Amino acid sequence: MNLEFSFKEIISAFMVLFSIIDITGSIPIILELKENGKKVQALPAVLGSFAIFFVFLFVGDGLLSLFGVDIESFAVAGSIIIFVLAIEMIMGVELIKNDSPTGSATVVPLIFPLIVGAGTLTTLLAMRAEYRVENIIIALILNMIFVYIVLRKLDWLEKVLGKGFIYVLRKFFGIILLAIAVKLFAANIMKMF
């Protein structure tokens, strides 16, 4: 296998993934999870997310077809989860109940759908046609480092930004998330029919 590293591809793939993962936009959600007594563990969240991304990069198409699911159906299902999260953010209600025995929010909703959502996985599969795999992996690693830093510095970010700003940010990103959900739904529902 011949590796070809391209700085341009790495930066481009990084920016695409950075905008889709949008960990900075998830700060208000994650802070609210912590306020509600949920545990948010940075390292397990990052390692779990990276493992899912890495596996999906290589076997995503095959895995979905094994269950008889096409990428469009997967994206529509993910858009519904993102829609529900957006409603929670905008309306200040809890629709997705986290009833894990440890009270951890690391897997749901942090890893899925906030970091590793259907939109991100769909984008990852689409990127395989445009970028070399080694450059996508490096872009993923760089994104996971950024996610780790944000998750580790949540308390500091809350102090710097303030509760009022976080509240406004939460509502704003709720609307952005809602728009992303609608766009993801509309783009993929048309392809299904």
C-alpha atoms as a PDB file:
ATOM      1  CA  MET A   1       0.000   0.000   0.000  1.00  0.00           C
ATOM      2  CA  ASN A   2       1.447   3.340  -1.065  1.00  0.00           C
ATOM      3  CA  LEU A   3       0.798   6.173   1.407  1.00  0.00           C
ATOM      4  CA  GLU A   4       0.408   9.658   0.007  1.00  0.00           C
ATOM      5  CA  PHE A   5       0.124  12.365   2.613  1.00  0.00           C
ATOM      6  CA  SER A   6      -1.230  15.673   1.394  1.00  0.00           C
ATOM      7  CA  PHE A   7      -1.282  18.734   3.650  1.00  0.00           C
ATOM      8  CA  LYS A   8      -4.043  20.249   1.513  1.00  0.00           C
ATOM      9  CA  GLU A   9      -6.218  17.123   1.803  1.00  0.00           C
ATOM     10  CA  ILE A  10      -5.602  16.870   5.560  1.00  0.00           C
ATOM     11  CA  ILE A  11      -6.599  20.503   6.139  1.00  0.00           C
ATOM     12  CA  SER A  12      -9.616  20.203   3.857  1.00  0.00           C
ATOM     13  CA  ALA A  13     -10.805  16.945   5.480  1.00  0.00           C
ATOM     14  CA  PHE A  14     -10.152  18.447   8.930  1.00  0.00           C
ATOM     15  CA  MET A  15     -12.317  21.485   8.169  1.00  0.00           C
ATOM     16  CA  VAL A  16     -15.172  19.387   6.790  1.00  0.00           C
ATOM     17  CA  LEU A  17     -15.129  17.082   9.829  1.00  0.00           C
ATOM     18  CA  PHE A  18     -14.684  20.013  12.231  1.00  0.00           C
ATOM     19  CA  SER A  19     -17.806  21.708  10.925  1.00  0.00           C
ATOM     20  CA  ILE A  20     -19.859  18.491  10.993  1.00  0.00           C
ATOM     21  CA  ILE A  21     -18.689  17.320  14.453  1.00  0.00           C
ATOM     22  CA  ASP A  22     -19.144  20.890  15.763  1.00  0.00           C
ATOM     23  CA  ILE A  23     -17.965  20.199  19.311  1.00  0.00           C
ATOM     24  CA  THR A  24     -17.961  23.930  20.081  1.00  0.00           C
ATOM     25  CA  GLY A  25     -21.652  24.059  19.196  1.00  0.00           C
ATOM     26  CA  SER A  26     -22.258  21.138  21.558  1.00  0.00           C
ATOM     27  CA  ILE A  27     -20.725  22.929  24.573  1.00  0.00           C
ATOM     28  CA  PRO A  28     -24.128  24.133  25.883  1.00  0.00           C
ATOM     29  CA  ILE A  29     -25.586  20.608  25.655  1.00  0.00           C
ATOM     30  CA  ILE A  30     -22.594  19.032  27.393  1.00  0.00           C
ATOM     31  CA  LEU A  31     -22.631  21.663  30.148  1.00  0.00           C
ATOM     32  CA  GLU A  32     -26.322  21.000  30.722  1.00  0.00           C
ATOM     33  CA  LEU A  33     -25.640  17.266  30.963  1.00  0.00           C
ATOM     34  CA  LYS A  34     -23.047  17.985  33.644  1.00  0.00           C
ATOM     35  CA  GLU A  35     -25.435  20.309  35.493  1.00  0.00           C
ATOM     36  CA  ASN A  36     -28.007  17.499  35.538  1.00  0.00           C
ATOM     37  CA  GLY A  37     -25.487  15.240  37.293  1.00  0.00           C
ATOM     38  CA  LYS A  38     -24.413  13.232  34.264  1.00  0.00           C
ATOM     39  CA  LYS A  39     -20.787  12.138  33.992  1.00  0.00           C
ATOM     40  CA  VAL A  40     -18.914  13.354  30.939  1.00  0.00           C
ATOM     41  CA  GLN A  41     -15.598  11.555  30.526  1.00  0.00           C
ATOM     42  CA  ALA A  42     -13.324  13.144  27.939  1.00  0.00           C
ATOM     43  CA  LEU A  43     -10.893  10.324  27.178  1.00  0.00           C
ATOM     44  CA  PRO A  44     -13.469   7.495  26.843  1.00  0.00           C
ATOM     45  CA  ALA A  45     -15.653   9.794  24.703  1.00  0.00           C
ATOM     46  CA  VAL A  46     -12.768  10.631  22.351  1.00  0.00           C
ATOM     47  CA  LEU A  47     -11.428   7.066  22.135  1.00  0.00           C
ATOM     48  CA  GLY A  48     -14.922   5.638  21.615  1.00  0.00           C
ATOM     49  CA  SER A  49     -15.718   8.221  18.953  1.00  0.00           C
ATOM     50  CA  PHE A  50     -12.432   7.660  17.128  1.00  0.00           C
ATOM     51  CA  ALA A  51     -12.923   3.871  17.194  1.00  0.00           C
ATOM     52  CA  ILE A  52     -16.402   4.215  15.658  1.00  0.00           C
ATOM     53  CA  PHE A  53     -15.135   6.652  13.013  1.00  0.00           C
ATOM     54  CA  PHE A  54     -12.168   4.431  12.163  1.00  0.00           C
ATOM     55  CA  VAL A  55     -14.226   1.250  11.832  1.00  0.00           C
ATOM     56  CA  PHE A  56     -16.998   3.021   9.912  1.00  0.00           C
ATOM     57  CA  LEU A  57     -14.462   4.525   7.513  1.00  0.00           C
ATOM     58  CA  PHE A  58     -13.514   1.036   6.343  1.00  0.00           C
ATOM     59  CA  VAL A  59     -16.649  -1.062   6.831  1.00  0.00           C
ATOM     60  CA  GLY A  60     -19.486   1.492   6.915  1.00  0.00           C
ATOM     61  CA  ASP A  61     -20.982   0.678   3.521  1.00  0.00           C
ATOM     62  CA  GLY A  62     -20.720  -3.052   4.132  1.00  0.00           C
ATOM     63  CA  LEU A  63     -22.132  -2.818   7.655  1.00  0.00           C
ATOM     64  CA  LEU A  64     -25.166  -0.848   6.551  1.00  0.00           C
ATOM     65  CA  SER A  65     -25.828  -3.190   3.607  1.00  0.00           C
ATOM     66  CA  LEU A  66     -25.509  -6.190   5.962  1.00  0.00           C
ATOM     67  CA  PHE A  67     -28.573  -4.870   7.802  1.00  0.00           C
ATOM     68  CA  GLY A  68     -30.266  -3.910   4.553  1.00  0.00           C
ATOM     69  CA  VAL A  69     -29.944  -0.202   5.326  1.00  0.00           C
ATOM     70  CA  ASP A  70     -28.825   2.305   2.715  1.00  0.00           C
ATOM     71  CA  ILE A  71     -26.875   5.444   3.584  1.00  0.00           C
ATOM     72  CA  GLU A  72     -29.901   7.640   2.912  1.00  0.00           C
ATOM     73  CA  SER A  73     -32.067   5.762   5.442  1.00  0.00           C
ATOM     74  CA  PHE A  74     -29.235   5.963   7.960  1.00  0.00           C
ATOM     75  CA  ALA A  75     -28.939   9.706   7.428  1.00  0.00           C
ATOM     76  CA  VAL A  76     -32.708  10.206   7.802  1.00  0.00           C
ATOM     77  CA  ALA A  77     -32.695   8.241  11.082  1.00  0.00           C
ATOM     78  CA  GLY A  78     -29.789  10.353  12.323  1.00  0.00           C
ATOM     79  CA  SER A  79     -31.570  13.544  11.309  1.00  0.00           C
ATOM     80  CA  ILE A  80     -34.520  12.569  13.507  1.00  0.00           C
ATOM     81  CA  ILE A  81     -32.222  12.145  16.533  1.00  0.00           C
ATOM     82  CA  ILE A  82     -30.571  15.498  15.799  1.00  0.00           C
ATOM     83  CA  PHE A  83     -34.059  17.039  15.468  1.00  0.00           C
ATOM     84  CA  VAL A  84     -35.062  15.740  18.913  1.00  0.00           C
ATOM     85  CA  LEU A  85     -31.832  17.075  20.457  1.00  0.00           C
ATOM     86  CA  ALA A  86     -32.484  20.468  18.856  1.00  0.00           C
ATOM     87  CA  ILE A  87     -36.018  20.555  20.289  1.00  0.00           C
ATOM     88  CA  GLU A  88     -34.572  19.761  23.728  1.00  0.00           C
ATOM     89  CA  MET A  89     -32.133  22.663  23.400  1.00  0.00           C
ATOM     90  CA  ILE A  90     -34.675  25.189  22.149  1.00  0.00           C
ATOM     91  CA  MET A  91     -37.598  24.251  24.407  1.00  0.00           C
ATOM     92  CA  GLY A  92     -35.602  23.314  27.499  1.00  0.00           C
ATOM     93  CA  VAL A  93     -37.250  19.875  27.804  1.00  0.00           C
ATOM     94  CA  GLU A  94     -35.811  16.372  28.169  1.00  0.00           C
ATOM     95  CA  LEU A  95     -37.037  13.992  25.484  1.00  0.00           C
ATOM     96  CA  ILE A  96     -34.080  11.607  25.315  1.00  0.00           C
ATOM     97  CA  LYS A  97     -33.928  10.018  28.736  1.00  0.00           C
ATOM     98  CA  ASN A  98     -30.517   8.793  29.803  1.00  0.00           C
ATOM     99  CA  ASP A  99     -31.324   5.857  32.036  1.00  0.00           C
ATOM    100  CA  SER A 100     -27.905   4.213  32.046  1.00  0.00           C
ATOM    101  CA  PRO A 101     -27.130   2.619  35.417  1.00  0.00           C
ATOM    102  CA  THR A 102     -24.065   4.778  36.058  1.00  0.00           C
ATOM    103  CA  GLY A 103     -25.704   8.060  35.081  1.00  0.00           C
ATOM    104  CA  SER A 104     -23.019   8.554  32.453  1.00  0.00           C
ATOM    105  CA  ALA A 105     -23.661  10.673  29.402  1.00  0.00           C
ATOM    106  CA  THR A 106     -20.437   9.605  27.702  1.00  0.00           C
ATOM    107  CA  VAL A 107     -21.989   7.151  25.248  1.00  0.00           C
ATOM    108  CA  VAL A 108     -25.488   8.651  24.778  1.00  0.00           C
ATOM    109  CA  PRO A 109     -25.781  11.453  23.855  1.00  0.00           C
ATOM    110  CA  LEU A 110     -22.094  12.514  23.870  1.00  0.00           C
ATOM    111  CA  ILE A 111     -20.505   9.921  21.579  1.00  0.00           C
ATOM    112  CA  PHE A 112     -23.739   9.312  19.689  1.00  0.00           C
ATOM    113  CA  PRO A 113     -25.236  11.494  18.302  1.00  0.00           C
ATOM    114  CA  LEU A 114     -23.263  14.628  19.348  1.00  0.00           C
ATOM    115  CA  ILE A 115     -19.763  13.620  18.212  1.00  0.00           C
ATOM    116  CA  VAL A 116     -20.511  10.592  16.032  1.00  0.00           C
ATOM    117  CA  GLY A 117     -23.811  11.400  14.387  1.00  0.00           C
ATOM    118  CA  ALA A 118     -25.389  10.095  11.223  1.00  0.00           C
ATOM    119  CA  GLY A 119     -24.349  13.275   9.427  1.00  0.00           C
ATOM    120  CA  THR A 120     -20.721  12.772  10.408  1.00  0.00           C
ATOM    121  CA  LEU A 121     -20.721   9.111   9.421  1.00  0.00           C
ATOM    122  CA  THR A 122     -22.419   9.878   6.116  1.00  0.00           C
ATOM    123  CA  THR A 123     -19.854  12.615   5.441  1.00  0.00           C
ATOM    124  CA  LEU A 124     -17.032  10.236   6.330  1.00  0.00           C
ATOM    125  CA  LEU A 125     -18.223   7.715   3.742  1.00  0.00           C
ATOM    126  CA  ALA A 126     -18.597  10.451   1.135  1.00  0.00           C
ATOM    127  CA  MET A 127     -15.053  11.712   1.852  1.00  0.00           C
ATOM    128  CA  ARG A 128     -13.592   8.336   0.864  1.00  0.00           C
ATOM    129  CA  ALA A 129     -14.373   9.201  -2.748  1.00  0.00           C
ATOM    130  CA  GLU A 130     -12.607  12.552  -2.519  1.00  0.00           C
ATOM    131  CA  TYR A 131      -9.636  12.091  -0.152  1.00  0.00           C
ATOM    132  CA  ARG A 132      -7.049   9.437   0.488  1.00  0.00           C
ATOM    133  CA  VAL A 133      -7.769   7.315   3.587  1.00  0.00           C
ATOM    134  CA  GLU A 134      -4.504   8.201   5.346  1.00  0.00           C
ATOM    135  CA  ASN A 135      -5.311  11.911   5.094  1.00  0.00           C
ATOM    136  CA  ILE A 136      -8.828  11.345   6.445  1.00  0.00           C
ATOM    137  CA  ILE A 137      -7.376   9.423   9.403  1.00  0.00           C
ATOM    138  CA  ILE A 138      -4.967  12.253  10.233  1.00  0.00           C
ATOM    139  CA  ALA A 139      -7.823  14.764   9.955  1.00  0.00           C
ATOM    140  CA  LEU A 140      -9.867  12.570  12.308  1.00  0.00           C
ATOM    141  CA  ILE A 141      -7.018  12.390  14.833  1.00  0.00           C
ATOM    142  CA  LEU A 142      -6.629  16.194  14.778  1.00  0.00           C
ATOM    143  CA  ASN A 143     -10.380  16.622  15.303  1.00  0.00           C
ATOM    144  CA  MET A 144     -10.370  14.151  18.205  1.00  0.00           C
ATOM    145  CA  ILE A 145      -7.517  16.093  19.854  1.00  0.00           C
ATOM    146  CA  PHE A 146      -9.610  19.256  19.594  1.00  0.00           C
ATOM    147  CA  VAL A 147     -12.683  17.454  20.980  1.00  0.00           C
ATOM    148  CA  TYR A 148     -10.595  16.164  23.907  1.00  0.00           C
ATOM    149  CA  ILE A 149      -9.330  19.670  24.734  1.00  0.00           C
ATOM    150  CA  VAL A 150     -12.864  21.099  24.671  1.00  0.00           C
ATOM    151  CA  LEU A 151     -14.233  18.297  26.876  1.00  0.00           C
ATOM    152  CA  ARG A 152     -11.379  18.654  29.374  1.00  0.00           C
ATOM    153  CA  LYS A 153     -11.757  22.447  29.596  1.00  0.00           C
ATOM    154  CA  LEU A 154     -15.574  22.596  29.895  1.00  0.00           C
ATOM    155  CA  ASP A 155     -15.532  24.187  33.361  1.00  0.00           C
ATOM    156  CA  TRP A 156     -13.005  26.799  32.236  1.00  0.00           C
ATOM    157  CA  LEU A 157     -15.058  27.536  29.112  1.00  0.00           C
ATOM    158  CA  GLU A 158     -18.167  27.982  31.267  1.00  0.00           C
ATOM    159  CA  LYS A 159     -16.332  30.443  33.524  1.00  0.00           C
ATOM    160  CA  VAL A 160     -14.959  32.406  30.572  1.00  0.00           C
ATOM    161  CA  LEU A 161     -18.221  32.484  28.633  1.00  0.00           C
ATOM    162  CA  GLY A 162     -20.603  32.830  31.600  1.00  0.00           C
ATOM    163  CA  LYS A 163     -23.960  31.135  32.233  1.00  0.00           C
ATOM    164  CA  GLY A 164     -25.994  33.815  30.416  1.00  0.00           C
ATOM    165  CA  PHE A 165     -23.909  33.531  27.270  1.00  0.00           C
ATOM    166  CA  ILE A 166     -24.049  29.717  27.471  1.00  0.00           C
ATOM    167  CA  TYR A 167     -27.863  29.928  27.703  1.00  0.00           C
ATOM    168  CA  VAL A 168     -28.074  32.146  24.614  1.00  0.00           C
ATOM    169  CA  LEU A 169     -25.509  29.950  22.827  1.00  0.00           C
ATOM    170  CA  ARG A 170     -27.598  26.873  23.653  1.00  0.00           C
ATOM    171  CA  LYS A 171     -30.723  28.384  22.089  1.00  0.00           C
ATOM    172  CA  PHE A 172     -28.781  29.625  19.057  1.00  0.00           C
ATOM    173  CA  PHE A 173     -27.104  26.271  18.423  1.00  0.00           C
ATOM    174  CA  GLY A 174     -30.423  24.541  19.004  1.00  0.00           C
ATOM    175  CA  ILE A 175     -31.794  26.419  16.007  1.00  0.00           C
ATOM    176  CA  ILE A 176     -28.634  25.642  13.984  1.00  0.00           C
ATOM    177  CA  LEU A 177     -28.952  21.956  14.949  1.00  0.00           C
ATOM    178  CA  LEU A 178     -32.612  22.030  13.934  1.00  0.00           C
ATOM    179  CA  ALA A 179     -31.645  23.475  10.537  1.00  0.00           C
ATOM    180  CA  ILE A 180     -28.959  20.784  10.090  1.00  0.00           C
ATOM    181  CA  ALA A 181     -31.520  18.091  10.952  1.00  0.00           C
ATOM    182  CA  VAL A 182     -34.027  19.472   8.435  1.00  0.00           C
ATOM    183  CA  LYS A 183     -31.355  19.767   5.724  1.00  0.00           C
ATOM    184  CA  LEU A 184     -30.047  16.242   6.366  1.00  0.00           C
ATOM    185  CA  PHE A 185     -33.611  14.885   6.360  1.00  0.00           C
ATOM    186  CA  ALA A 186     -34.669  16.731   3.198  1.00  0.00           C
ATOM    187  CA  ALA A 187     -31.516  15.858   1.234  1.00  0.00           C
ATOM    188  CA  ASN A 188     -31.772  12.167   2.006  1.00  0.00           C
ATOM    189  CA  ILE A 189     -35.535  11.603   2.000  1.00  0.00           C
ATOM    190  CA  MET A 190     -35.612  12.743  -1.652  1.00  0.00           C
ATOM    191  CA  LYS A 191     -32.908  10.219  -2.558  1.00  0.00           C
ATOM    192  CA  MET A 192     -34.904   7.408  -0.906  1.00  0.00           C
ATOM    193  CA  PHE A 193     -37.882   7.979  -3.191  1.00  0.00           C
END
